[in-house]
Amino acid sequence: MATAVYTFEVVEGQEWIFPTDDSHYEMFSALDGRTITDWDPPVMAGRGGGTYSDFPWLGEHVPFLRRPAVEALGQVLLRHGQLLPVRGEEAWLFNATTVLDALDRQRSGIVAFDDGSILAIEHHVFDETKLGAAEVFKLPMRASAVYVTGPFVERVRRAGLRGVAFKAL
């Protein structure tokens, strides 16, 4: 049976979280799976007047979690990355450090730069043999989405976490 893979998806009316310093957007895009040892927590602020979320939204490549999500999922997340605190909000950034070269480039719909690096993925097909038992991972590319598998999605649902959705790929 094929492994179900998902990305985080914004929920209409969901609470958003933003860095107060626009230069931090580049820092978030540059997260590439390496463990961060010199973390200087950015100041974040919730904006937009959205409905409370245990996963305030910034993008599919940088999941942020509130305390209920950290308490419910921390153990599995720490097997696949780091939970890094931020300032200004009681929230943590999840830095995925499990990086899998699991995208089947031949069968996926990829828009590439001239040098062959990936600009966008229009349709994902994963190599099942490379996914293993990972519940959370990134691809080895700049600003990769954080991908999750069916067992992780089920953990989120069982925990009753609010303001989070997933897009099946």
Protein backbone atom coordinates (compact mmCIF):
# COMPACT_ATOMS: atom_id res chain seq x y z
CA MET A 1 0.00 0.00 0.00
CA ALA A 2 1.33 3.44 -0.94
CA THR A 3 2.44 5.77 1.81
CA ALA A 4 0.19 8.81 2.02
CA VAL A 5 2.20 12.04 2.00
CA TYR A 6 0.84 15.50 2.84
CA THR A 7 1.90 19.10 3.22
CA PHE A 8 0.49 21.55 5.72
CA GLU A 9 -2.29 23.63 4.20
CA VAL A 10 -3.62 26.99 5.33
CA VAL A 11 -7.16 26.97 6.73
CA GLU A 12 -9.48 29.82 5.72
CA GLY A 13 -9.60 32.32 8.56
CA GLN A 14 -6.63 30.68 10.31
CA GLU A 15 -4.43 32.69 12.64
CA TRP A 16 -1.18 33.83 10.99
CA ILE A 17 2.24 34.51 12.52
CA PHE A 18 4.87 36.81 11.03
CA PRO A 19 8.38 37.96 11.91
CA THR A 20 8.52 41.59 13.04
CA ASP A 21 11.76 41.96 11.06
CA ASP A 22 11.24 41.28 7.35
CA SER A 23 14.84 40.06 7.00
CA HIS A 24 13.85 36.88 8.85
CA TYR A 25 11.83 35.64 5.87
CA GLU A 26 15.14 34.79 4.18
CA MET A 27 16.27 32.90 7.29
CA PHE A 28 13.10 30.79 7.19
CA SER A 29 13.49 30.07 3.47
CA ALA A 30 17.10 29.01 4.00
CA LEU A 31 16.24 26.25 6.50
CA ASP A 32 17.74 23.26 4.70
CA GLY A 33 17.61 20.41 7.17
CA ARG A 34 20.70 21.26 9.16
CA THR A 35 20.52 21.36 12.94
CA ILE A 36 20.70 24.92 14.21
CA THR A 37 23.15 25.34 17.08
CA ASP A 38 23.28 29.15 17.26
CA TRP A 39 19.56 29.94 17.28
CA ASP A 40 18.75 33.58 17.94
CA PRO A 41 14.96 33.54 18.37
CA PRO A 42 13.24 36.02 16.06
CA VAL A 43 10.45 38.19 17.37
CA MET A 44 7.15 36.97 15.93
CA ALA A 45 3.69 38.50 16.04
CA GLY A 46 0.30 37.02 15.33
CA ARG A 47 -1.65 39.09 12.81
CA GLY A 48 -4.72 39.01 10.71
CA GLY A 49 -7.40 38.55 13.35
CA GLY A 50 -7.84 34.92 12.34
CA THR A 51 -9.30 32.13 14.39
CA TYR A 52 -6.97 30.62 17.00
CA SER A 53 -4.72 27.90 15.63
CA ASP A 54 -2.44 25.38 17.32
CA PHE A 55 -0.37 25.81 14.12
CA PRO A 56 -0.36 29.55 13.29
CA TRP A 57 0.40 29.90 9.58
CA LEU A 58 3.44 31.39 7.89
CA GLY A 59 3.95 28.80 5.17
CA GLU A 60 4.20 25.08 4.42
CA HIS A 61 8.00 25.26 4.72
CA VAL A 62 8.03 26.63 8.30
CA PRO A 63 5.46 25.09 10.63
CA PHE A 64 4.89 27.02 13.85
CA LEU A 65 3.25 25.33 16.82
CA ARG A 66 1.53 26.54 19.96
CA ARG A 67 1.90 24.74 23.29
CA PRO A 68 -0.96 22.19 22.78
CA ALA A 69 0.66 21.00 19.52
CA VAL A 70 4.12 20.82 21.08
CA GLU A 71 2.78 18.80 24.01
CA ALA A 72 0.86 16.41 21.76
CA LEU A 73 3.46 15.99 19.00
CA GLY A 74 6.80 16.96 20.53
CA GLN A 75 8.08 13.42 20.91
CA VAL A 76 7.63 12.52 17.23
CA LEU A 77 8.75 15.96 16.01
CA LEU A 78 11.99 15.74 17.97
CA ARG A 79 12.81 12.48 16.15
CA HIS A 80 12.69 14.45 12.89
CA GLY A 81 13.94 17.90 13.83
CA GLN A 82 14.09 20.69 16.37
CA LEU A 83 11.49 22.78 18.15
CA LEU A 84 12.94 26.27 18.35
CA PRO A 85 11.33 28.95 20.54
CA VAL A 86 10.51 32.38 19.21
CA ARG A 87 10.05 35.67 21.03
CA GLY A 88 6.90 37.78 21.14
CA GLU A 89 4.52 34.82 20.91
CA GLU A 90 4.26 31.56 22.82
CA ALA A 91 5.14 29.49 19.78
CA TRP A 92 7.88 27.24 18.44
CA LEU A 93 9.28 26.89 14.94
CA PHE A 94 9.71 23.31 13.77
CA ASN A 95 13.03 22.92 11.94
CA ALA A 96 12.83 19.62 10.06
CA THR A 97 16.23 17.90 10.03
CA THR A 98 15.11 14.67 8.37
CA VAL A 99 15.93 15.28 4.72
CA LEU A 100 14.97 12.59 2.23
CA ASP A 101 15.83 12.59 -1.45
CA ALA A 102 12.56 10.74 -2.00
CA LEU A 103 11.02 12.65 -4.88
CA ASP A 104 10.72 10.58 -8.05
CA ARG A 105 11.90 13.27 -10.48
CA GLN A 106 10.90 11.26 -13.56
CA ARG A 107 7.27 10.81 -12.53
CA SER A 108 6.72 14.11 -10.68
CA GLY A 109 5.72 17.32 -12.41
CA ILE A 110 8.70 19.59 -11.82
CA VAL A 111 9.42 23.11 -13.00
CA ALA A 112 13.19 23.47 -12.99
CA PHE A 113 15.71 26.26 -13.39
CA ASP A 114 18.20 25.99 -16.27
CA ASP A 115 20.72 24.39 -13.91
CA GLY A 116 18.26 21.58 -13.06
CA SER A 117 17.46 22.77 -9.54
CA ILE A 118 13.78 22.72 -8.63
CA LEU A 119 11.77 25.93 -8.87
CA ALA A 120 8.38 24.32 -8.15
CA ILE A 121 6.76 20.92 -7.88
CA GLU A 122 3.38 20.78 -9.60
CA HIS A 123 2.74 17.10 -8.94
CA HIS A 124 4.54 14.93 -6.36
CA VAL A 125 5.42 11.28 -6.77
CA PHE A 126 7.56 9.78 -4.03
CA ASP A 127 9.90 6.80 -4.14
CA GLU A 128 8.36 4.54 -1.48
CA THR A 129 11.68 2.82 -0.80
CA LYS A 130 13.22 6.13 0.33
CA LEU A 131 10.43 7.19 2.68
CA GLY A 132 11.02 4.46 5.25
CA ALA A 133 9.28 5.11 8.56
CA ALA A 134 9.71 8.90 8.47
CA GLU A 135 6.63 10.77 9.64
CA VAL A 136 8.06 14.23 8.93
CA PHE A 137 10.69 15.25 6.38
CA LYS A 138 11.95 17.81 3.88
CA LEU A 139 13.33 17.40 0.39
CA PRO A 140 16.93 18.43 -0.32
CA MET A 141 16.03 21.75 -1.96
CA ARG A 142 15.79 25.38 -0.94
CA ALA A 143 12.57 26.34 0.85
CA SER A 144 11.30 22.76 0.76
CA ALA A 145 7.87 22.24 2.20
CA VAL A 146 7.71 20.15 5.35
CA TYR A 147 6.09 16.86 4.37
CA VAL A 148 4.22 14.58 6.74
CA THR A 149 2.90 11.06 6.32
CA GLY A 150 -0.40 9.46 7.26
CA PRO A 151 0.63 8.41 10.78
CA PHE A 152 1.53 12.02 11.65
CA VAL A 153 -1.76 13.34 10.29
CA GLU A 154 -3.57 10.73 12.38
CA ARG A 155 -1.66 11.85 15.51
CA VAL A 156 -2.80 15.44 14.89
CA ARG A 157 -6.42 14.34 14.46
CA ARG A 158 -6.39 12.13 17.57
CA ALA A 159 -4.96 15.01 19.62
CA GLY A 160 -7.86 17.26 18.56
CA LEU A 161 -5.53 20.07 17.54
CA ARG A 162 -7.24 23.15 16.11
CA GLY A 163 -6.61 25.29 13.06
CA VAL A 164 -4.53 22.84 11.07
CA ALA A 165 -5.14 21.15 7.73
CA PHE A 166 -3.22 18.95 5.37
CA LYS A 167 -3.17 18.64 1.60
CA ALA A 168 -2.82 15.09 0.27
CA LEU A 169 -0.23 14.84 -2.50
